[in-house]
């Protein structure tokens, strides 16, 4: 099963990734000014994947990527794949698991892991 992970970019925009159950990123969304826009895009992808277009691209370096778009607007770009077969497996993973995927929101947490000073006293070092 895959997972959507919402986070905040350094410029303040929100983004999300779709990752495999092993944590490997399959695609990353475009930046959104509001978290609600990211949440709406995730809901649309989960509920109506058939309305989105997957465009396969081979870049100048010989790597393969795909773009997810709707009505001509690119909403997400995949990671780079070494072969077209691996690219297709990434797309198949989306079609198989996207409707079952959970959503994790890390956009409000500035630091996922606490500072060492707040966890351990100086005596423990």
PDB file of N, CA and C in Angstrom:
ATOM      1  N   UNK A   1       0.842  -1.181   0.000  1.00  0.00           N
ATOM      2  CA  UNK A   1       0.000   0.000   0.000  1.00  0.00           C
ATOM      3  C   UNK A   1       0.883   1.238   0.000  1.00  0.00           C
ATOM      4  N   UNK A   2       0.482   2.266  -0.698  1.00  0.00           N
ATOM      5  CA  UNK A   2       1.230   3.514  -0.772  1.00  0.00           C
ATOM      6  C   UNK A   2       0.764   4.518   0.258  1.00  0.00           C
ATOM      7  N   UNK A   3       1.503   5.614   0.342  1.00  0.00           N
ATOM      8  CA  UNK A   3       1.202   6.664   1.305  1.00  0.00           C
ATOM      9  C   UNK A   3       1.419   8.028   0.670  1.00  0.00           C
ATOM     10  N   UNK A   4       0.490   8.935   0.913  1.00  0.00           N
ATOM     11  CA  UNK A   4       0.678  10.336   0.554  1.00  0.00           C
ATOM     12  C   UNK A   4       1.269  11.035   1.773  1.00  0.00           C
ATOM     13  N   UNK A   5       2.295  11.839   1.557  1.00  0.00           N
ATOM     14  CA  UNK A   5       2.928  12.577   2.648  1.00  0.00           C
ATOM     15  C   UNK A   5       2.920  14.057   2.282  1.00  0.00           C
ATOM     16  N   UNK A   6       2.195  14.849   3.079  1.00  0.00           N
ATOM     17  CA  UNK A   6       2.125  16.295   2.871  1.00  0.00           C
ATOM     18  C   UNK A   6       3.228  16.948   3.697  1.00  0.00           C
ATOM     19  N   UNK A   7       3.941  17.879   3.078  1.00  0.00           N
ATOM     20  CA  UNK A   7       4.989  18.604   3.800  1.00  0.00           C
ATOM     21  C   UNK A   7       5.034  20.040   3.292  1.00  0.00           C
ATOM     22  N   UNK A   8       5.871  20.828   3.923  1.00  0.00           N
ATOM     23  CA  UNK A   8       6.013  22.236   3.565  1.00  0.00           C
ATOM     24  C   UNK A   8       7.410  22.456   3.008  1.00  0.00           C
ATOM     25  N   UNK A   9       7.486  23.196   1.909  1.00  0.00           N
ATOM     26  CA  UNK A   9       8.781  23.542   1.315  1.00  0.00           C
ATOM     27  C   UNK A   9       9.371  24.727   2.066  1.00  0.00           C
ATOM     28  N   UNK A  10      10.655  24.984   1.824  1.00  0.00           N
ATOM     29  CA  UNK A  10      11.326  26.093   2.487  1.00  0.00           C
ATOM     30  C   UNK A  10      10.704  27.447   2.134  1.00  0.00           C
ATOM     31  N   UNK A  11      10.108  27.556   0.952  1.00  0.00           N
ATOM     32  CA  UNK A  11       9.486  28.826   0.545  1.00  0.00           C
ATOM     33  C   UNK A  11       8.073  28.997   1.099  1.00  0.00           C
ATOM     34  N   UNK A  12       7.598  28.035   1.881  1.00  0.00           N
ATOM     35  CA  UNK A  12       6.278  28.127   2.495  1.00  0.00           C
ATOM     36  C   UNK A  12       5.178  27.413   1.729  1.00  0.00           C
ATOM     37  N   UNK A  13       5.453  26.986   0.500  1.00  0.00           N
ATOM     38  CA  UNK A  13       4.459  26.248  -0.276  1.00  0.00           C
ATOM     39  C   UNK A  13       4.311  24.828   0.287  1.00  0.00           C
ATOM     40  N   UNK A  14       3.164  24.239   0.017  1.00  0.00           N
ATOM     41  CA  UNK A  14       2.900  22.867   0.432  1.00  0.00           C
ATOM     42  C   UNK A  14       3.101  21.947  -0.764  1.00  0.00           C
ATOM     43  N   UNK A  15       3.503  20.729  -0.500  1.00  0.00           N
ATOM     44  CA  UNK A  15       3.652  19.712  -1.538  1.00  0.00           C
ATOM     45  C   UNK A  15       3.282  18.372  -0.929  1.00  0.00           C
ATOM     46  N   UNK A  16       3.128  17.385  -1.784  1.00  0.00           N
ATOM     47  CA  UNK A  16       2.951  16.034  -1.283  1.00  0.00           C
ATOM     48  C   UNK A  16       3.702  15.078  -2.189  1.00  0.00           C
ATOM     49  N   UNK A  17       4.049  13.957  -1.615  1.00  0.00           N
ATOM     50  CA  UNK A  17       4.652  12.880  -2.386  1.00  0.00           C
ATOM     51  C   UNK A  17       3.758  11.663  -2.256  1.00  0.00           C
ATOM     52  N   UNK A  18       3.887  10.757  -3.197  1.00  0.00           N
ATOM     53  CA  UNK A  18       3.267   9.446  -3.073  1.00  0.00           C
ATOM     54  C   UNK A  18       4.421   8.464  -3.000  1.00  0.00           C
ATOM     55  N   UNK A  19       4.475   7.693  -1.926  1.00  0.00           N
ATOM     56  CA  UNK A  19       5.580   6.769  -1.691  1.00  0.00           C
ATOM     57  C   UNK A  19       5.063   5.338  -1.602  1.00  0.00           C
ATOM     58  N   UNK A  20       5.934   4.393  -1.947  1.00  0.00           N
ATOM     59  CA  UNK A  20       5.597   2.982  -1.840  1.00  0.00           C
ATOM     60  C   UNK A  20       5.539   2.585  -0.369  1.00  0.00           C
ATOM     61  N   UNK A  21       5.097   1.387  -0.123  1.00  0.00           N
ATOM     62  CA  UNK A  21       5.028   0.903   1.255  1.00  0.00           C
ATOM     63  C   UNK A  21       6.417   0.773   1.865  1.00  0.00           C
ATOM     64  N   UNK A  22       7.444   0.737   1.036  1.00  0.00           N
ATOM     65  CA  UNK A  22       8.827   0.678   1.521  1.00  0.00           C
ATOM     66  C   UNK A  22       9.452   2.068   1.659  1.00  0.00           C
ATOM     67  N   UNK A  23       8.690   3.116   1.352  1.00  0.00           N
ATOM     68  CA  UNK A  23       9.167   4.476   1.540  1.00  0.00           C
ATOM     69  C   UNK A  23       9.833   5.114   0.338  1.00  0.00           C
ATOM     70  N   UNK A  24       9.823   4.466  -0.806  1.00  0.00           N
ATOM     71  CA  UNK A  24      10.445   5.012  -2.013  1.00  0.00           C
ATOM     72  C   UNK A  24       9.456   5.965  -2.693  1.00  0.00           C
ATOM     73  N   UNK A  25       9.897   7.188  -2.957  1.00  0.00           N
ATOM     74  CA  UNK A  25       9.034   8.177  -3.590  1.00  0.00           C
ATOM     75  C   UNK A  25       8.747   7.778  -5.031  1.00  0.00           C
ATOM     76  N   UNK A  26       7.477   7.822  -5.418  1.00  0.00           N
ATOM     77  CA  UNK A  26       7.083   7.551  -6.797  1.00  0.00           C
ATOM     78  C   UNK A  26       6.888   8.858  -7.543  1.00  0.00           C
ATOM     79  N   UNK A  27       6.147   9.804  -6.918  1.00  0.00           N
ATOM     80  CA  UNK A  27       6.006  11.114  -7.547  1.00  0.00           C
ATOM     81  C   UNK A  27       5.899  12.212  -6.495  1.00  0.00           C
ATOM     82  N   UNK A  28       6.179  13.437  -6.947  1.00  0.00           N
ATOM     83  CA  UNK A  28       6.124  14.628  -6.102  1.00  0.00           C
ATOM     84  C   UNK A  28       5.214  15.644  -6.779  1.00  0.00           C
ATOM     85  N   UNK A  29       4.350  16.266  -6.004  1.00  0.00           N
ATOM     86  CA  UNK A  29       3.400  17.226  -6.555  1.00  0.00           C
ATOM     87  C   UNK A  29       4.056  18.574  -6.835  1.00  0.00           C
ATOM     88  N   UNK A  30       3.319  19.410  -7.527  1.00  0.00           N
ATOM     89  CA  UNK A  30       3.719  20.796  -7.683  1.00  0.00           C
ATOM     90  C   UNK A  30       3.514  21.500  -6.341  1.00  0.00           C
ATOM     91  N   UNK A  31       4.078  22.683  -6.179  1.00  0.00           N
ATOM     92  CA  UNK A  31       3.884  23.455  -4.955  1.00  0.00           C
ATOM     93  C   UNK A  31       2.503  24.091  -4.919  1.00  0.00           C
ATOM     94  N   UNK A  32       1.909  24.136  -3.742  1.00  0.00           N
ATOM     95  CA  UNK A  32       0.592  24.739  -3.541  1.00  0.00           C
ATOM     96  C   UNK A  32       0.698  25.797  -2.451  1.00  0.00           C
ATOM     97  N   UNK A  33       0.038  26.916  -2.633  1.00  0.00           N
ATOM     98  CA  UNK A  33       0.079  27.987  -1.634  1.00  0.00           C
ATOM     99  C   UNK A  33      -0.661  27.598  -0.354  1.00  0.00           C
ATOM    100  N   UNK A  34      -1.686  26.777  -0.490  1.00  0.00           N
ATOM    101  CA  UNK A  34      -2.510  26.386   0.659  1.00  0.00           C
ATOM    102  C   UNK A  34      -2.512  24.869   0.816  1.00  0.00           C
ATOM    103  N   UNK A  35      -2.480  24.418   2.063  1.00  0.00           N
ATOM    104  CA  UNK A  35      -2.515  22.983   2.326  1.00  0.00           C
ATOM    105  C   UNK A  35      -3.799  22.358   1.800  1.00  0.00           C
ATOM    106  N   UNK A  36      -4.886  23.106   1.849  1.00  0.00           N
ATOM    107  CA  UNK A  36      -6.163  22.578   1.368  1.00  0.00           C
ATOM    108  C   UNK A  36      -6.102  22.226  -0.119  1.00  0.00           C
ATOM    109  N   UNK A  37      -5.301  22.963  -0.906  1.00  0.00           N
ATOM    110  CA  UNK A  37      -5.143  22.624  -2.321  1.00  0.00           C
ATOM    111  C   UNK A  37      -4.470  21.266  -2.478  1.00  0.00           C
ATOM    112  N   UNK A  38      -3.455  20.998  -1.659  1.00  0.00           N
ATOM    113  CA  UNK A  38      -2.792  19.692  -1.687  1.00  0.00           C
ATOM    114  C   UNK A  38      -3.774  18.588  -1.300  1.00  0.00           C
ATOM    115  N   UNK A  39      -4.563  18.843  -0.269  1.00  0.00           N
ATOM    116  CA  UNK A  39      -5.538  17.852   0.184  1.00  0.00           C
ATOM    117  C   UNK A  39      -6.589  17.574  -0.888  1.00  0.00           C
ATOM    118  N   UNK A  40      -7.017  18.617  -1.615  1.00  0.00           N
ATOM    119  CA  UNK A  40      -7.994  18.428  -2.687  1.00  0.00           C
ATOM    120  C   UNK A  40      -7.398  17.626  -3.845  1.00  0.00           C
ATOM    121  N   UNK A  41      -6.138  17.896  -4.173  1.00  0.00           N
ATOM    122  CA  UNK A  41      -5.485  17.135  -5.246  1.00  0.00           C
ATOM    123  C   UNK A  41      -5.346  15.667  -4.858  1.00  0.00           C
ATOM    124  N   UNK A  42      -4.972  15.411  -3.616  1.00  0.00           N
ATOM    125  CA  UNK A  42      -4.847  14.028  -3.147  1.00  0.00           C
ATOM    126  C   UNK A  42      -6.200  13.317  -3.238  1.00  0.00           C
ATOM    127  N   UNK A  43      -7.246  13.979  -2.771  1.00  0.00           N
ATOM    128  CA  UNK A  43      -8.587  13.382  -2.814  1.00  0.00           C
ATOM    129  C   UNK A  43      -9.000  13.084  -4.255  1.00  0.00           C
ATOM    130  N   UNK A  44      -8.720  14.003  -5.165  1.00  0.00           N
ATOM    131  CA  UNK A  44      -9.082  13.802  -6.568  1.00  0.00           C
ATOM    132  C   UNK A  44      -8.311  12.626  -7.166  1.00  0.00           C
ATOM    133  N   UNK A  45      -7.029  12.521  -6.849  1.00  0.00           N
ATOM    134  CA  UNK A  45      -6.227  11.409  -7.361  1.00  0.00           C
ATOM    135  C   UNK A  45      -6.730  10.088  -6.802  1.00  0.00           C
ATOM    136  N   UNK A  46      -7.029  10.056  -5.499  1.00  0.00           N
ATOM    137  CA  UNK A  46      -7.497   8.816  -4.880  1.00  0.00           C
ATOM    138  C   UNK A  46      -8.848   8.365  -5.437  1.00  0.00           C
ATOM    139  N   UNK A  47      -9.735   9.319  -5.675  1.00  0.00           N
ATOM    140  CA  UNK A  47     -11.106   8.975  -6.051  1.00  0.00           C
ATOM    141  C   UNK A  47     -11.335   8.873  -7.558  1.00  0.00           C
ATOM    142  N   UNK A  48     -10.553   9.605  -8.349  1.00  0.00           N
ATOM    143  CA  UNK A  48     -10.809   9.679  -9.794  1.00  0.00           C
ATOM    144  C   UNK A  48      -9.530   9.562 -10.609  1.00  0.00           C
ATOM    145  N   UNK A  49      -8.705   8.585 -10.335  1.00  0.00           N
ATOM    146  CA  UNK A  49      -7.416   8.448 -11.010  1.00  0.00           C
ATOM    147  C   UNK A  49      -7.568   8.368 -12.529  1.00  0.00           C
ATOM    148  N   UNK A  50      -8.666   7.799 -12.994  1.00  0.00           N
ATOM    149  CA  UNK A  50      -8.898   7.665 -14.431  1.00  0.00           C
ATOM    150  C   UNK A  50      -9.009   8.983 -15.168  1.00  0.00           C
ATOM    151  N   UNK A  51      -9.272  10.074 -14.462  1.00  0.00           N
ATOM    152  CA  UNK A  51      -9.391  11.388 -15.092  1.00  0.00           C
ATOM    153  C   UNK A  51      -8.034  12.062 -15.300  1.00  0.00           C
ATOM    154  N   UNK A  52      -6.964  11.449 -14.798  1.00  0.00           N
ATOM    155  CA  UNK A  52      -5.633  12.034 -14.903  1.00  0.00           C
ATOM    156  C   UNK A  52      -4.868  11.378 -16.042  1.00  0.00           C
ATOM    157  N   UNK A  53      -3.990  12.155 -16.649  1.00  0.00           N
ATOM    158  CA  UNK A  53      -3.176  11.674 -17.758  1.00  0.00           C
ATOM    159  C   UNK A  53      -1.757  11.417 -17.269  1.00  0.00           C
ATOM    160  N   UNK A  54      -1.212  10.269 -17.640  1.00  0.00           N
ATOM    161  CA  UNK A  54       0.176   9.925 -17.337  1.00  0.00           C
ATOM    162  C   UNK A  54       0.970  10.059 -18.633  1.00  0.00           C
ATOM    163  N   UNK A  55       1.916  10.974 -18.650  1.00  0.00           N
ATOM    164  CA  UNK A  55       2.748  11.209 -19.825  1.00  0.00           C
ATOM    165  C   UNK A  55       4.151  10.711 -19.541  1.00  0.00           C
ATOM    166  N   UNK A  56       4.616   9.755 -20.352  1.00  0.00           N
ATOM    167  CA  UNK A  56       5.955   9.191 -20.178  1.00  0.00           C
ATOM    168  C   UNK A  56       6.950  10.031 -20.981  1.00  0.00           C
ATOM    169  N   UNK A  57       8.102  10.300 -20.359  1.00  0.00           N
ATOM    170  CA  UNK A  57       9.131  11.146 -20.979  1.00  0.00           C
ATOM    171  C   UNK A  57      10.492  10.496 -20.766  1.00  0.00           C
ATOM    172  N   UNK A  58      11.322  10.573 -21.779  1.00  0.00           N
ATOM    173  CA  UNK A  58      12.723  10.151 -21.649  1.00  0.00           C
ATOM    174  C   UNK A  58      13.571  11.410 -21.769  1.00  0.00           C
ATOM    175  N   UNK A  59      14.354  11.700 -20.735  1.00  0.00           N
ATOM    176  CA  UNK A  59      15.138  12.934 -20.751  1.00  0.00           C
ATOM    177  C   UNK A  59      16.442  12.750 -21.526  1.00  0.00           C
ATOM    178  N   UNK A  60      17.194  13.828 -21.661  1.00  0.00           N
ATOM    179  CA  UNK A  60      18.429  13.806 -22.449  1.00  0.00           C
ATOM    180  C   UNK A  60      19.466  12.847 -21.874  1.00  0.00           C
ATOM    181  N   UNK A  61      19.420  12.606 -20.585  1.00  0.00           N
ATOM    182  CA  UNK A  61      20.359  11.693 -19.944  1.00  0.00           C
ATOM    183  C   UNK A  61      19.970  10.231 -20.054  1.00  0.00           C
ATOM    184  N   UNK A  62      18.854   9.953 -20.726  1.00  0.00           N
ATOM    185  CA  UNK A  62      18.417   8.573 -20.910  1.00  0.00           C
ATOM    186  C   UNK A  62      17.538   8.036 -19.796  1.00  0.00           C
ATOM    187  N   UNK A  63      17.222   8.852 -18.803  1.00  0.00           N
ATOM    188  CA  UNK A  63      16.344   8.427 -17.706  1.00  0.00           C
ATOM    189  C   UNK A  63      14.885   8.656 -18.101  1.00  0.00           C
ATOM    190  N   UNK A  64      14.010   7.910 -17.476  1.00  0.00           N
ATOM    191  CA  UNK A  64      12.581   8.001 -17.755  1.00  0.00           C
ATOM    192  C   UNK A  64      11.853   8.623 -16.572  1.00  0.00           C
ATOM    193  N   UNK A  65      10.873   9.460 -16.871  1.00  0.00           N
ATOM    194  CA  UNK A  65       9.987  10.027 -15.853  1.00  0.00           C
ATOM    195  C   UNK A  65       8.571  10.017 -16.423  1.00  0.00           C
ATOM    196  N   UNK A  66       7.601  10.232 -15.558  1.00  0.00           N
ATOM    197  CA  UNK A  66       6.244  10.474 -16.035  1.00  0.00           C
ATOM    198  C   UNK A  66       5.696  11.698 -15.326  1.00  0.00           C
ATOM    199  N   UNK A  67       4.749  12.310 -15.964  1.00  0.00           N
ATOM    200  CA  UNK A  67       4.058  13.463 -15.393  1.00  0.00           C
ATOM    201  C   UNK A  67       2.588  13.115 -15.271  1.00  0.00           C
ATOM    202  N   UNK A  68       1.997  13.570 -14.178  1.00  0.00           N
ATOM    203  CA  UNK A  68       0.563  13.387 -13.974  1.00  0.00           C
ATOM    204  C   UNK A  68      -0.081  14.741 -14.215  1.00  0.00           C
ATOM    205  N   UNK A  69      -1.063  14.779 -15.101  1.00  0.00           N
ATOM    206  CA  UNK A  69      -1.716  16.050 -15.413  1.00  0.00           C
ATOM    207  C   UNK A  69      -3.222  15.843 -15.530  1.00  0.00           C
ATOM    208  N   UNK A  70      -3.904  16.970 -15.465  1.00  0.00           N
ATOM    209  CA  UNK A  70      -5.353  16.972 -15.652  1.00  0.00           C
ATOM    210  C   UNK A  70      -5.701  18.247 -16.404  1.00  0.00           C
ATOM    211  N   UNK A  71      -6.421  18.093 -17.492  1.00  0.00           N
ATOM    212  CA  UNK A  71      -6.816  19.222 -18.332  1.00  0.00           C
ATOM    213  C   UNK A  71      -5.617  20.076 -18.743  1.00  0.00           C
ATOM    214  N   UNK A  72      -4.495  19.430 -19.024  1.00  0.00           N
ATOM    215  CA  UNK A  72      -3.311  20.133 -19.501  1.00  0.00           C
ATOM    216  C   UNK A  72      -2.422  20.718 -18.424  1.00  0.00           C
ATOM    217  N   UNK A  73      -2.843  20.679 -17.169  1.00  0.00           N
ATOM    218  CA  UNK A  73      -2.054  21.225 -16.068  1.00  0.00           C
ATOM    219  C   UNK A  73      -1.266  20.097 -15.405  1.00  0.00           C
ATOM    220  N   UNK A  74       0.053  20.208 -15.402  1.00  0.00           N
ATOM    221  CA  UNK A  74       0.896  19.199 -14.763  1.00  0.00           C
ATOM    222  C   UNK A  74       0.780  19.364 -13.253  1.00  0.00           C
ATOM    223  N   UNK A  75       0.418  18.284 -12.571  1.00  0.00           N
ATOM    224  CA  UNK A  75       0.215  18.323 -11.124  1.00  0.00           C
ATOM    225  C   UNK A  75       1.326  17.626 -10.351  1.00  0.00           C
ATOM    226  N   UNK A  76       2.047  16.710 -11.018  1.00  0.00           N
ATOM    227  CA  UNK A  76       3.104  15.966 -10.328  1.00  0.00           C
ATOM    228  C   UNK A  76       4.109  15.417 -11.329  1.00  0.00           C
ATOM    229  N   UNK A  77       5.336  15.239 -10.841  1.00  0.00           N
ATOM    230  CA  UNK A  77       6.415  14.640 -11.623  1.00  0.00           C
ATOM    231  C   UNK A  77       6.949  13.437 -10.862  1.00  0.00           C
ATOM    232  N   UNK A  78       7.275  12.397 -11.596  1.00  0.00           N
ATOM    233  CA  UNK A  78       7.796  11.191 -10.957  1.00  0.00           C
ATOM    234  C   UNK A  78       9.279  11.329 -10.664  1.00  0.00           C
ATOM    235  N   UNK A  79       9.777  10.366  -9.922  1.00  0.00           N
ATOM    236  CA  UNK A  79      11.223  10.257  -9.757  1.00  0.00           C
ATOM    237  C   UNK A  79      11.790   9.736 -11.065  1.00  0.00           C
ATOM    238  N   UNK A  80      13.095   9.683 -11.182  1.00  0.00           N
ATOM    239  CA  UNK A  80      13.735   9.181 -12.396  1.00  0.00           C
ATOM    240  C   UNK A  80      13.851   7.659 -12.326  1.00  0.00           C
ATOM    241  N   UNK A  81      13.585   7.025 -13.457  1.00  0.00           N
ATOM    242  CA  UNK A  81      13.689   5.575 -13.579  1.00  0.00           C
ATOM    243  C   UNK A  81      14.764   5.245 -14.610  1.00  0.00           C
ATOM    244  N   UNK A  82      15.458   4.146 -14.407  1.00  0.00           N
ATOM    245  CA  UNK A  82      16.536   3.766 -15.320  1.00  0.00           C
ATOM    246  C   UNK A  82      16.026   3.087 -16.585  1.00  0.00           C
ATOM    247  N   UNK A  83      14.865   2.449 -16.517  1.00  0.00           N
ATOM    248  CA  UNK A  83      14.309   1.773 -17.692  1.00  0.00           C
ATOM    249  C   UNK A  83      12.822   2.083 -17.816  1.00  0.00           C
ATOM    250  N   UNK A  84      12.311   1.875 -19.008  1.00  0.00           N
ATOM    251  CA  UNK A  84      10.889   2.098 -19.229  1.00  0.00           C
ATOM    252  C   UNK A  84      10.046   1.069 -18.471  1.00  0.00           C
ATOM    253  N   UNK A  85      10.582  -0.130 -18.286  1.00  0.00           N
ATOM    254  CA  UNK A  85       9.877  -1.160 -17.523  1.00  0.00           C
ATOM    255  C   UNK A  85       9.704  -0.737 -16.067  1.00  0.00           C
ATOM    256  N   UNK A  86      10.743  -0.189 -15.472  1.00  0.00           N
ATOM    257  CA  UNK A  86      10.635   0.293 -14.085  1.00  0.00           C
ATOM    258  C   UNK A  86       9.657   1.459 -13.985  1.00  0.00           C
ATOM    259  N   UNK A  87       9.666   2.327 -14.986  1.00  0.00           N
ATOM    260  CA  UNK A  87       8.712   3.435 -15.024  1.00  0.00           C
ATOM    261  C   UNK A  87       7.288   2.901 -15.024  1.00  0.00           C
ATOM    262  N   UNK A  88       7.032   1.901 -15.855  1.00  0.00           N
ATOM    263  CA  UNK A  88       5.694   1.323 -15.928  1.00  0.00           C
ATOM    264  C   UNK A  88       5.314   0.660 -14.613  1.00  0.00           C
ATOM    265  N   UNK A  89       6.270   0.035 -13.942  1.00  0.00           N
ATOM    266  CA  UNK A  89       5.982  -0.559 -12.630  1.00  0.00           C
ATOM    267  C   UNK A  89       5.580   0.517 -11.623  1.00  0.00           C
ATOM    268  N   UNK A  90       6.205   1.699 -11.699  1.00  0.00           N
ATOM    269  CA  UNK A  90       5.823   2.810 -10.824  1.00  0.00           C
ATOM    270  C   UNK A  90       4.393   3.257 -11.079  1.00  0.00           C
ATOM    271  N   UNK A  91       4.030   3.362 -12.352  1.00  0.00           N
ATOM    272  CA  UNK A  91       2.659   3.740 -12.712  1.00  0.00           C
ATOM    273  C   UNK A  91       1.674   2.658 -12.251  1.00  0.00           C
ATOM    274  N   UNK A  92       2.043   1.401 -12.454  1.00  0.00           N
ATOM    275  CA  UNK A  92       1.176   0.292 -12.020  1.00  0.00           C
ATOM    276  C   UNK A  92       0.967   0.304 -10.513  1.00  0.00           C
ATOM    277  N   UNK A  93       2.013   0.647  -9.768  1.00  0.00           N
ATOM    278  CA  UNK A  93       1.917   0.734  -8.300  1.00  0.00           C
ATOM    279  C   UNK A  93       0.876   1.784  -7.901  1.00  0.00           C
ATOM    280  N   UNK A  94       0.863   2.900  -8.602  1.00  0.00           N
ATOM    281  CA  UNK A  94      -0.117   3.956  -8.323  1.00  0.00           C
ATOM    282  C   UNK A  94      -1.527   3.420  -8.567  1.00  0.00           C
ATOM    283  N   UNK A  95      -1.733   2.837  -9.727  1.00  0.00           N
ATOM    284  CA  UNK A  95      -3.073   2.335 -10.068  1.00  0.00           C
ATOM    285  C   UNK A  95      -3.542   1.251  -9.098  1.00  0.00           C
ATOM    286  N   UNK A  96      -2.627   0.471  -8.606  1.00  0.00           N
ATOM    287  CA  UNK A  96      -2.978  -0.638  -7.718  1.00  0.00           C
ATOM    288  C   UNK A  96      -3.299  -0.177  -6.293  1.00  0.00           C
ATOM    289  N   UNK A  97      -2.547   0.817  -5.786  1.00  0.00           N
ATOM    290  CA  UNK A  97      -2.638   1.140  -4.366  1.00  0.00           C
ATOM    291  C   UNK A  97      -3.158   2.534  -4.020  1.00  0.00           C
ATOM    292  N   UNK A  98      -3.297   3.425  -4.983  1.00  0.00           N
ATOM    293  CA  UNK A  98      -3.624   4.808  -4.633  1.00  0.00           C
ATOM    294  C   UNK A  98      -4.959   4.924  -3.890  1.00  0.00           C
ATOM    295  N   UNK A  99      -5.940   4.146  -4.263  1.00  0.00           N
ATOM    296  CA  UNK A  99      -7.245   4.253  -3.603  1.00  0.00           C
ATOM    297  C   UNK A  99      -7.221   3.717  -2.167  1.00  0.00           C
ATOM    298  N   UNK A 100      -6.215   2.912  -1.831  1.00  0.00           N
ATOM    299  CA  UNK A 100      -6.090   2.357  -0.477  1.00  0.00           C
ATOM    300  C   UNK A 100      -5.123   3.161   0.402  1.00  0.00           C
ATOM    301  N   UNK A 101      -4.456   4.121  -0.184  1.00  0.00           N
ATOM    302  CA  UNK A 101      -3.357   4.804   0.503  1.00  0.00           C
ATOM    303  C   UNK A 101      -3.840   5.686   1.646  1.00  0.00           C
ATOM    304  N   UNK A 102      -2.956   5.823   2.636  1.00  0.00           N
ATOM    305  CA  UNK A 102      -3.239   6.712   3.757  1.00  0.00           C
ATOM    306  C   UNK A 102      -2.544   8.043   3.505  1.00  0.00           C
ATOM    307  N   UNK A 103      -2.888   9.035   4.323  1.00  0.00           N
ATOM    308  CA  UNK A 103      -2.311  10.367   4.193  1.00  0.00           C
ATOM    309  C   UNK A 103      -1.620  10.731   5.501  1.00  0.00           C
ATOM    310  N   UNK A 104      -0.362  11.103   5.401  1.00  0.00           N
ATOM    311  CA  UNK A 104       0.397  11.588   6.549  1.00  0.00           C
ATOM    312  C   UNK A 104       0.669  13.067   6.342  1.00  0.00           C
ATOM    313  N   UNK A 105       0.480  13.856   7.379  1.00  0.00           N
ATOM    314  CA  UNK A 105       0.662  15.302   7.274  1.00  0.00           C
ATOM    315  C   UNK A 105       1.805  15.744   8.178  1.00  0.00           C
ATOM    316  N   UNK A 106       2.923  16.096   7.560  1.00  0.00           N
ATOM    317  CA  UNK A 106       4.070  16.614   8.297  1.00  0.00           C
ATOM    318  C   UNK A 106       4.257  18.102   8.042  1.00  0.00           C
ATOM    319  N   UNK A 107       3.252  18.766   7.523  1.00  0.00           N
ATOM    320  CA  UNK A 107       3.388  20.166   7.135  1.00  0.00           C
ATOM    321  C   UNK A 107       3.408  21.127   8.325  1.00  0.00           C
ATOM    322  N   UNK A 108       2.854  20.736   9.441  1.00  0.00           N
ATOM    323  CA  UNK A 108       2.810  21.629  10.601  1.00  0.00           C
ATOM    324  C   UNK A 108       4.007  21.460  11.507  1.00  0.00           C
ATOM    325  N   UNK A 109       4.737  20.368  11.364  1.00  0.00           N
ATOM    326  CA  UNK A 109       5.887  20.105  12.224  1.00  0.00           C
ATOM    327  C   UNK A 109       7.135  20.703  11.618  1.00  0.00           C
ATOM    328  N   UNK A 110       7.727  21.680  12.305  1.00  0.00           N
ATOM    329  CA  UNK A 110       8.982  22.239  11.825  1.00  0.00           C
ATOM    330  C   UNK A 110      10.101  21.229  11.972  1.00  0.00           C
ATOM    331  N   UNK A 111      10.068  20.475  13.066  1.00  0.00           N
ATOM    332  CA  UNK A 111      11.092  19.471  13.314  1.00  0.00           C
ATOM    333  C   UNK A 111      10.404  18.157  13.666  1.00  0.00           C
ATOM    334  N   UNK A 112      10.633  17.163  12.863  1.00  0.00           N
ATOM    335  CA  UNK A 112      10.023  15.860  13.111  1.00  0.00           C
ATOM    336  C   UNK A 112      10.677  15.202  14.314  1.00  0.00           C
ATOM    337  N   UNK A 113      12.005  15.372  14.451  1.00  0.00           N
ATOM    338  CA  UNK A 113      12.736  14.783  15.554  1.00  0.00           C
ATOM    339  C   UNK A 113      13.159  15.881  16.517  1.00  0.00           C
ATOM    340  N   UNK A 114      12.975  15.690  17.811  1.00  0.00           N
ATOM    341  CA  UNK A 114      13.356  16.724  18.769  1.00  0.00           C
ATOM    342  C   UNK A 114      14.871  16.886  18.835  1.00  0.00           C
ATOM    343  N   UNK A 115      15.307  18.044  19.317  1.00  0.00           N
ATOM    344  CA  UNK A 115      16.734  18.285  19.513  1.00  0.00           C
ATOM    345  C   UNK A 115      17.268  17.336  20.569  1.00  0.00           C
ATOM    346  N   UNK A 116      18.524  16.973  20.434  1.00  0.00           N
ATOM    347  CA  UNK A 116      19.154  16.071  21.386  1.00  0.00           C
ATOM    348  C   UNK A 116      19.154  16.664  22.786  1.00  0.00           C
ATOM    349  N   UNK A 117      19.306  18.001  22.872  1.00  0.00           N
ATOM    350  CA  UNK A 117      19.339  18.649  24.185  1.00  0.00           C
ATOM    351  C   UNK A 117      18.019  18.493  24.938  1.00  0.00           C
ATOM    352  N   UNK A 118      16.921  18.475  24.212  1.00  0.00           N
ATOM    353  CA  UNK A 118      15.632  18.362  24.889  1.00  0.00           C
ATOM    354  C   UNK A 118      15.301  16.925  25.278  1.00  0.00           C
ATOM    355  N   UNK A 119      15.998  15.970  24.684  1.00  0.00           N
ATOM    356  CA  UNK A 119      15.726  14.561  24.972  1.00  0.00           C
ATOM    357  C   UNK A 119      16.663  14.034  26.057  1.00  0.00           C
ATOM    358  N   UNK A 120      17.935  14.404  25.989  1.00  0.00           N
ATOM    359  CA  UNK A 120      18.935  13.906  26.915  1.00  0.00           C
ATOM    360  C   UNK A 120      19.507  15.053  27.773  1.00  0.00           C
ATOM    361  N   UNK A 121      19.760  14.752  29.009  1.00  0.00           N
ATOM    362  CA  UNK A 121      20.445  15.737  29.827  1.00  0.00           C
ATOM    363  C   UNK A 121      21.933  15.638  29.549  1.00  0.00           C
ATOM    364  N   UNK A 122      22.707  16.641  29.955  1.00  0.00           N
ATOM    365  CA  UNK A 122      24.143  16.645  29.691  1.00  0.00           C
ATOM    366  C   UNK A 122      24.850  15.493  30.412  1.00  0.00           C
ATOM    367  N   UNK A 123      24.299  15.024  31.505  1.00  0.00           N
ATOM    368  CA  UNK A 123      24.906  13.934  32.249  1.00  0.00           C
ATOM    369  C   UNK A 123      24.890  12.630  31.454  1.00  0.00           C
ATOM    370  N   UNK A 124      23.911  12.462  30.557  1.00  0.00           N
ATOM    371  CA  UNK A 124      23.777  11.233  29.804  1.00  0.00           C
ATOM    372  C   UNK A 124      24.764  11.166  28.635  1.00  0.00           C
ATOM    373  N   UNK A 125      25.338  12.285  28.215  1.00  0.00           N
ATOM    374  CA  UNK A 125      26.286  12.291  27.093  1.00  0.00           C
ATOM    375  C   UNK A 125      27.569  11.775  27.545  1.00  0.00           C
TER     376      UNK A 125
END
